[in-house]
C-alpha atoms as a PDB file:
ATOM      1  CA  MET A   1      66.665 -22.087  54.970  1.00  0.00           C
ATOM      2  CA  THR A   2      67.618 -25.732  55.038  1.00  0.00           C
ATOM      3  CA  ALA A   3      71.095 -26.882  54.168  1.00  0.00           C
ATOM      4  CA  LEU A   4      69.776 -28.061  50.793  1.00  0.00           C
ATOM      5  CA  ASN A   5      68.406 -24.590  50.019  1.00  0.00           C
ATOM      6  CA  ARG A   6      71.581 -22.794  51.100  1.00  0.00           C
ATOM      7  CA  ARG A   7      73.846 -25.019  49.040  1.00  0.00           C
ATOM      8  CA  ARG A   8      71.888 -24.694  45.821  1.00  0.00           C
ATOM      9  CA  VAL A   9      71.195 -20.941  45.804  1.00  0.00           C
ATOM     10  CA  PRO A  10      72.974 -19.359  42.852  1.00  0.00           C
ATOM     11  CA  PRO A  11      74.646 -15.964  43.111  1.00  0.00           C
ATOM     12  CA  ARG A  12      72.066 -13.200  42.670  1.00  0.00           C
ATOM     13  CA  GLY A  13      73.581 -11.867  39.443  1.00  0.00           C
ATOM     14  CA  SER A  14      73.813 -15.206  37.656  1.00  0.00           C
ATOM     15  CA  LYS A  15      71.563 -16.594  34.932  1.00  0.00           C
ATOM     16  CA  GLN A  16      70.790 -19.556  37.195  1.00  0.00           C
ATOM     17  CA  TRP A  17      68.860 -17.186  39.422  1.00  0.00           C
ATOM     18  CA  LEU A  18      66.309 -16.743  36.608  1.00  0.00           C
ATOM     19  CA  LEU A  19      66.128 -20.379  35.485  1.00  0.00           C
ATOM     20  CA  PRO A  20      63.993 -23.172  36.925  1.00  0.00           C
ATOM     21  CA  MET A  21      65.612 -24.938  39.850  1.00  0.00           C
ATOM     22  CA  PRO A  22      67.847 -27.957  39.144  1.00  0.00           C
ATOM     23  CA  HIS A  23      65.925 -31.181  38.597  1.00  0.00           C
ATOM     24  CA  GLU A  24      67.742 -32.975  41.435  1.00  0.00           C
ATOM     25  CA  SER A  25      66.743 -30.260  43.924  1.00  0.00           C
ATOM     26  CA  VAL A  26      63.140 -30.382  42.734  1.00  0.00           C
ATOM     27  CA  ARG A  27      63.021 -34.181  43.092  1.00  0.00           C
ATOM     28  CA  SER A  28      64.504 -34.038  46.583  1.00  0.00           C
ATOM     29  CA  LEU A  29      62.099 -31.341  47.796  1.00  0.00           C
ATOM     30  CA  SER A  30      59.117 -33.182  46.335  1.00  0.00           C
ATOM     31  CA  LEU A  31      60.173 -36.523  47.792  1.00  0.00           C
ATOM     32  CA  ASN A  32      60.603 -35.032  51.265  1.00  0.00           C
ATOM     33  CA  ALA A  33      57.099 -33.566  51.114  1.00  0.00           C
ATOM     34  CA  HIS A  34      55.499 -36.829  50.010  1.00  0.00           C
ATOM     35  CA  LEU A  35      57.426 -38.848  52.607  1.00  0.00           C
ATOM     36  CA  ALA A  36      56.196 -36.527  55.369  1.00  0.00           C
ATOM     37  CA  LEU A  37      52.613 -37.159  54.278  1.00  0.00           C
ATOM     38  CA  GLU A  38      53.133 -40.921  54.070  1.00  0.00           C
ATOM     39  CA  ALA A  39      54.636 -41.022  57.564  1.00  0.00           C
ATOM     40  CA  CYS A  40      51.687 -39.072  58.983  1.00  0.00           C
ATOM     41  CA  ARG A  41      48.938 -40.896  57.078  1.00  0.00           C
ATOM     42  CA  GLU A  42      46.418 -42.481  59.437  1.00  0.00           C
ATOM     43  CA  GLY A  43      45.770 -46.181  59.053  1.00  0.00           C
ATOM     44  CA  ARG A  44      49.352 -47.297  58.605  1.00  0.00           C
ATOM     45  CA  ASP A  45      50.666 -50.063  60.807  1.00  0.00           C
ATOM     46  CA  ASN A  46      52.690 -47.735  63.000  1.00  0.00           C
ATOM     47  CA  GLN A  47      53.932 -50.539  65.225  1.00  0.00           C
ATOM     48  CA  ARG A  48      55.970 -51.986  62.365  1.00  0.00           C
ATOM     49  CA  ASP A  49      56.847 -48.835  60.418  1.00  0.00           C
ATOM     50  CA  LYS A  50      60.221 -47.373  61.233  1.00  0.00           C
ATOM     51  CA  GLN A  51      59.143 -43.849  60.454  1.00  0.00           C
ATOM     52  CA  ARG A  52      56.010 -42.680  62.212  1.00  0.00           C
ATOM     53  CA  GLY A  53      54.217 -39.420  62.057  1.00  0.00           C
ATOM     54  CA  ASN A  54      55.503 -36.901  64.555  1.00  0.00           C
ATOM     55  CA  GLN A  55      55.294 -33.221  65.349  1.00  0.00           C
ATOM     56  CA  ALA A  56      58.254 -32.344  63.130  1.00  0.00           C
ATOM     57  CA  MET A  57      56.647 -33.982  60.100  1.00  0.00           C
ATOM     58  CA  LEU A  58      53.327 -32.217  60.628  1.00  0.00           C
ATOM     59  CA  ASN A  59      55.261 -28.979  61.075  1.00  0.00           C
ATOM     60  CA  GLU A  60      57.015 -29.675  57.772  1.00  0.00           C
ATOM     61  CA  LEU A  61      53.672 -30.151  56.023  1.00  0.00           C
ATOM     62  CA  THR A  62      52.456 -26.875  57.535  1.00  0.00           C
ATOM     63  CA  ARG A  63      55.640 -25.156  56.379  1.00  0.00           C
ATOM     64  CA  LEU A  64      55.095 -26.525  52.864  1.00  0.00           C
ATOM     65  CA  THR A  65      51.511 -25.299  52.897  1.00  0.00           C
ATOM     66  CA  TYR A  66      52.672 -21.740  53.539  1.00  0.00           C
ATOM     67  CA  LEU A  67      55.616 -21.990  51.150  1.00  0.00           C
ATOM     68  CA  SER A  68      53.303 -23.194  48.380  1.00  0.00           C
ATOM     69  CA  TYR A  69      50.852 -20.434  49.279  1.00  0.00           C
ATOM     70  CA  PHE A  70      53.570 -17.794  48.876  1.00  0.00           C
ATOM     71  CA  LEU A  71      54.577 -19.323  45.524  1.00  0.00           C
ATOM     72  CA  TRP A  72      50.930 -19.315  44.442  1.00  0.00           C
ATOM     73  CA  GLN A  73      50.711 -15.614  45.287  1.00  0.00           C
ATOM     74  CA  THR A  74      53.493 -15.002  42.742  1.00  0.00           C
ATOM     75  CA  GLY A  75      51.369 -16.717  40.080  1.00  0.00           C
ATOM     76  CA  LEU A  76      52.727 -20.264  40.262  1.00  0.00           C
ATOM     77  CA  GLY A  77      50.418 -23.254  40.387  1.00  0.00           C
ATOM     78  CA  HIS A  78      46.793 -24.031  39.687  1.00  0.00           C
ATOM     79  CA  ALA A  79      45.152 -23.620  43.068  1.00  0.00           C
ATOM     80  CA  ASN A  80      42.702 -21.413  44.896  1.00  0.00           C
ATOM     81  CA  ASP A  81      42.106 -20.207  48.438  1.00  0.00           C
ATOM     82  CA  ASP A  82      40.191 -23.409  49.191  1.00  0.00           C
ATOM     83  CA  THR A  83      43.254 -25.537  48.388  1.00  0.00           C
ATOM     84  CA  TYR A  84      45.230 -23.819  51.125  1.00  0.00           C
ATOM     85  CA  ALA A  85      42.376 -23.446  53.584  1.00  0.00           C
ATOM     86  CA  GLY A  86      41.594 -27.169  53.218  1.00  0.00           C
ATOM     87  CA  ALA A  87      45.204 -28.184  53.825  1.00  0.00           C
ATOM     88  CA  GLU A  88      45.483 -25.842  56.786  1.00  0.00           C
ATOM     89  CA  ASP A  89      42.220 -27.153  58.282  1.00  0.00           C
ATOM     90  CA  ALA A  90      43.430 -30.754  57.883  1.00  0.00           C
ATOM     91  CA  LEU A  91      46.743 -29.982  59.576  1.00  0.00           C
ATOM     92  CA  ASN A  92      45.075 -28.027  62.385  1.00  0.00           C
ATOM     93  CA  ALA A  93      42.717 -30.966  63.030  1.00  0.00           C
ATOM     94  CA  ALA A  94      45.691 -33.347  63.129  1.00  0.00           C
ATOM     95  CA  VAL A  95      47.495 -31.136  65.659  1.00  0.00           C
ATOM     96  CA  GLU A  96      44.394 -30.877  67.851  1.00  0.00           C
ATOM     97  CA  ARG A  97      44.025 -34.673  67.865  1.00  0.00           C
ATOM     98  CA  ALA A  98      47.732 -35.117  68.565  1.00  0.00           C
ATOM     99  CA  GLN A  99      47.555 -32.861  71.599  1.00  0.00           C
ATOM    100  CA  LEU A 100      44.907 -35.189  73.042  1.00  0.00           C
ATOM    101  CA  SER A 101      46.194 -38.566  71.881  1.00  0.00           C
ATOM    102  CA  GLY A 102      49.910 -38.132  71.234  1.00  0.00           C
ATOM    103  CA  GLU A 103      49.392 -39.586  67.723  1.00  0.00           C
ATOM    104  CA  TRP A 104      50.682 -37.188  65.050  1.00  0.00           C
ATOM    105  CA  MET A 105      48.555 -38.492  62.216  1.00  0.00           C
ATOM    106  CA  ILE A 106      46.491 -36.999  59.405  1.00  0.00           C
ATOM    107  CA  GLY A 107      43.018 -38.491  59.394  1.00  0.00           C
ATOM    108  CA  SER A 108      41.919 -40.543  56.402  1.00  0.00           C
ATOM    109  CA  SER A 109      39.196 -37.977  55.680  1.00  0.00           C
ATOM    110  CA  GLU A 110      41.823 -35.204  55.575  1.00  0.00           C
ATOM    111  CA  VAL A 111      44.471 -36.843  53.398  1.00  0.00           C
ATOM    112  CA  ALA A 112      42.860 -35.666  50.139  1.00  0.00           C
ATOM    113  CA  ALA A 113      43.347 -32.008  51.146  1.00  0.00           C
ATOM    114  CA  ILE A 114      47.074 -32.560  51.735  1.00  0.00           C
ATOM    115  CA  GLU A 115      47.414 -34.570  48.515  1.00  0.00           C
ATOM    116  CA  ALA A 116      45.798 -31.700  46.588  1.00  0.00           C
ATOM    117  CA  LEU A 117      48.268 -29.287  48.143  1.00  0.00           C
ATOM    118  CA  LEU A 118      51.245 -31.519  47.282  1.00  0.00           C
ATOM    119  CA  LYS A 119      50.027 -31.772  43.691  1.00  0.00           C
ATOM    120  CA  VAL A 120      50.134 -27.965  43.452  1.00  0.00           C
ATOM    121  CA  TYR A 121      53.519 -27.867  45.237  1.00  0.00           C
ATOM    122  CA  ASP A 122      54.998 -30.371  42.752  1.00  0.00           C
ATOM    123  CA  GLU A 123      53.650 -28.273  39.865  1.00  0.00           C
ATOM    124  CA  GLN A 124      55.216 -25.170  41.392  1.00  0.00           C
ATOM    125  CA  LEU A 125      58.584 -26.842  41.941  1.00  0.00           C
ATOM    126  CA  ALA A 126      58.680 -27.953  38.309  1.00  0.00           C
ATOM    127  CA  SER A 127      58.685 -24.369  37.049  1.00  0.00           C
ATOM    128  CA  VAL A 128      59.772 -22.051  39.866  1.00  0.00           C
ATOM    129  CA  THR A 129      62.926 -20.010  39.407  1.00  0.00           C
ATOM    130  CA  ALA A 130      65.567 -20.009  42.097  1.00  0.00           C
ATOM    131  CA  ARG A 131      64.816 -16.324  42.696  1.00  0.00           C
ATOM    132  CA  ASP A 132      61.099 -16.905  43.300  1.00  0.00           C
ATOM    133  CA  TYR A 133      61.721 -19.990  45.439  1.00  0.00           C
ATOM    134  CA  CYS A 134      64.232 -18.155  47.617  1.00  0.00           C
ATOM    135  CA  GLY A 135      61.855 -15.190  47.884  1.00  0.00           C
ATOM    136  CA  ALA A 136      59.099 -17.515  49.116  1.00  0.00           C
ATOM    137  CA  ILE A 137      61.529 -19.120  51.592  1.00  0.00           C
ATOM    138  CA  GLN A 138      62.415 -15.665  52.915  1.00  0.00           C
ATOM    139  CA  ARG A 139      58.728 -14.810  53.387  1.00  0.00           C
ATOM    140  CA  LEU A 140      58.197 -18.138  55.143  1.00  0.00           C
ATOM    141  CA  ASN A 141      61.153 -17.585  57.460  1.00  0.00           C
ATOM    142  CA  LYS A 142      59.909 -14.099  58.318  1.00  0.00           C
ATOM    143  CA  LEU A 143      56.461 -15.530  59.079  1.00  0.00           C
ATOM    144  CA  LEU A 144      57.901 -18.294  61.274  1.00  0.00           C
ATOM    145  CA  GLU A 145      60.155 -15.890  63.177  1.00  0.00           C
ATOM    146  CA  THR A 146      57.229 -13.638  64.087  1.00  0.00           C
ATOM    147  CA  PRO A 147      55.850 -14.435  67.553  1.00  0.00           C
ATOM    148  CA  ARG A 148      52.132 -15.175  67.680  1.00  0.00           C
ATOM    149  CA  THR A 149      51.776 -14.888  63.952  1.00  0.00           C
ATOM    150  CA  VAL A 150      48.502 -15.362  62.100  1.00  0.00           C
ATOM    151  CA  SER A 151      48.280 -17.768  59.188  1.00  0.00           C
ATOM    152  CA  PRO A 152      48.778 -16.008  55.845  1.00  0.00           C
ATOM    153  CA  VAL A 153      45.874 -18.075  54.482  1.00  0.00           C
ATOM    154  CA  ILE A 154      43.490 -16.780  57.160  1.00  0.00           C
ATOM    155  CA  ARG A 155      44.870 -13.260  56.832  1.00  0.00           C
ATOM    156  CA  HIS A 156      44.297 -13.314  53.052  1.00  0.00           C
ATOM    157  CA  ALA A 157      40.774 -14.698  53.412  1.00  0.00           C
ATOM    158  CA  SER A 158      39.831 -12.045  55.970  1.00  0.00           C
ATOM    159  CA  HIS A 159      41.063  -9.265  53.638  1.00  0.00           C
ATOM    160  CA  ALA A 160      39.109 -10.737  50.717  1.00  0.00           C
ATOM    161  CA  VAL A 161      35.784 -10.503  52.599  1.00  0.00           C
END
């Protein structure tokens, strides 16, 4: 959990646990997600921009993909498997290119998939309760702590077949 998440988590027995998250927290989480995409968007003049795409920002977008996926599994957001598979494919392609070129950028043909994901994520943040958000964060942390883990998106798709 990030410092922002730890600070804002209400006690488990409180009413706040069942209410939507505070507007300021939602705005901050959404802004961070959109800034990560903007920094990694191909075609920007990276020589002049102070904030360039890097591995940490692509990792953050991957983390948000899985967090949104876990929220979607609880019934939040208007998405489908293709939304998450498309975002994951775009991020995987960006990582593969970065390993060859050192440029941590999302290709112009892949930006739409990440924008679609962020649209769902913003929708989810607008209505998610603190309890559901923290539950999704816990699932994400468990996934990220597991060595050689398989994407939950791929795992879900393989079970659906």
